[in-house]
Protein backbone atom coordinates (compact mmCIF):
# COMPACT_ATOMS: atom_id res chain seq x y z
CA MET A 1 -0.49 -1.53 10.50
CA PRO A 2 1.04 -1.11 7.03
CA ASP A 3 2.99 -4.41 7.24
CA THR A 4 1.46 -7.06 4.98
CA GLY A 5 3.91 -9.77 6.00
CA LEU A 6 6.20 -9.72 2.98
CA PHE A 7 6.01 -5.96 2.42
CA TYR A 8 5.75 -2.71 4.35
CA VAL A 9 3.41 -0.22 2.67
CA LEU A 10 5.02 3.22 2.55
CA ASN A 11 2.40 5.02 0.47
CA ILE A 12 -0.82 4.10 -1.32
CA ASP A 13 -3.08 5.89 -3.76
CA PRO A 14 -6.38 3.97 -3.99
CA MET A 15 -9.51 4.42 -6.08
CA ARG A 16 -12.47 4.18 -3.71
CA ASP A 17 -16.14 3.33 -4.10
CA GLN A 18 -18.95 5.41 -2.55
CA GLN A 19 -18.59 3.56 0.77
CA GLY A 20 -14.87 4.37 0.97
CA ASN A 21 -13.70 0.84 0.18
CA ILE A 22 -10.78 0.34 -2.19
CA GLN A 23 -11.92 -0.67 -5.68
CA ARG A 24 -8.37 -0.81 -7.00
CA VAL A 25 -4.94 0.60 -6.27
CA ILE A 26 -3.71 3.32 -8.62
CA ALA A 27 -0.19 3.57 -7.15
CA ILE A 28 1.68 2.04 -4.22
CA SER A 29 5.16 2.24 -2.70
CA ILE A 30 6.32 -0.79 -0.75
CA ARG A 31 9.51 -1.91 1.01
CA CYS A 32 10.32 -5.59 0.72
CA ASN A 33 10.80 -7.15 4.16
CA SER A 34 13.25 -9.68 2.64
CA CYS A 35 15.70 -7.50 0.69
CA GLN A 36 14.65 -3.99 1.91
CA HIS A 37 14.28 -2.71 -1.68
CA VAL A 38 11.65 0.01 -2.19
CA THR A 39 9.39 -0.53 -5.20
CA HIS A 40 7.09 2.17 -6.60
CA SER A 41 4.32 0.68 -8.75
CA THR A 42 1.68 2.50 -10.78
CA GLY A 43 -0.96 1.71 -13.38
CA PRO A 44 0.15 -1.13 -15.64
CA ASP A 45 2.81 -2.30 -13.12
CA LEU A 46 0.04 -3.16 -10.64
CA GLN A 47 -1.89 -6.35 -11.06
CA SER A 48 -5.41 -6.43 -9.63
CA ILE A 49 -7.02 -9.66 -8.51
CA PRO A 50 -10.66 -10.08 -7.44
CA GLY A 51 -10.90 -8.15 -4.15
CA GLY A 52 -7.19 -7.47 -3.93
CA THR A 53 -3.87 -6.41 -5.37
CA LEU A 54 -0.73 -8.38 -6.20
CA LEU A 55 2.35 -6.74 -4.66
CA ALA A 56 5.79 -7.51 -6.11
CA CYS A 57 9.36 -6.54 -5.30
CA ALA A 58 11.23 -5.20 -8.34
CA GLN A 59 14.55 -6.43 -6.95
CA CYS A 60 14.14 -9.94 -5.48
CA GLY A 61 10.84 -10.84 -7.18
CA GLY A 62 8.96 -11.51 -3.93
CA ARG A 63 5.21 -11.50 -4.49
CA GLN A 64 2.17 -11.37 -2.24
CA ALA A 65 -1.55 -11.11 -2.92
CA VAL A 66 -3.13 -8.69 -0.44
CA SER A 67 -6.83 -8.02 -0.02
CA ASN A 68 -7.99 -4.48 -0.69
CA ALA A 69 -9.60 -4.52 2.78
CA ARG A 70 -6.12 -5.04 4.26
CA LEU A 71 -4.72 -2.26 2.11
CA LEU A 72 -7.54 -0.01 3.36
CA GLU A 73 -6.25 -0.61 6.91
CA CYS A 74 -2.76 0.35 5.72
CA ASP A 75 -4.13 3.53 4.15
CA HIS A 76 -5.89 4.51 7.39
CA THR A 77 -2.71 3.89 9.39
CA LEU A 78 -0.59 5.95 6.98
CA ALA A 79 -3.14 8.79 7.04
CA ALA A 80 -3.18 8.83 10.85
CA ARG A 81 0.62 9.00 10.94
CA ALA A 82 0.60 11.86 8.43
CA ASP A 83 -1.92 13.76 10.58
CA ILE A 84 0.29 13.31 13.65
CA SER A 85 3.37 14.50 11.73
CA VAL A 86 1.58 17.60 10.45
CA SER A 87 0.30 18.38 13.96
CA ALA A 88 3.79 18.03 15.42
CA VAL A 89 5.26 20.39 12.82
CA HIS A 90 2.48 22.99 13.12
CA GLY A 91 1.69 22.47 16.80
């Protein structure tokens, strides 16, 4: 599920290692569950922490540290939804 508690992950572009685990996040789009603002963060706007990423709302300033393992689950969920959408359109 792409809900981290404080944020809902809309899109993620991760850099992966050879095992498919997220090394770091290159870009992410999140919706704040408090104020509903959508924040798009890339490169220098994203702060990495050991084993995770710090997510922040550009409007209300809400912040949450999320493990990269949790973000990997979000990425898999988003990919599965995209596959279903493509199948529905082309099916």
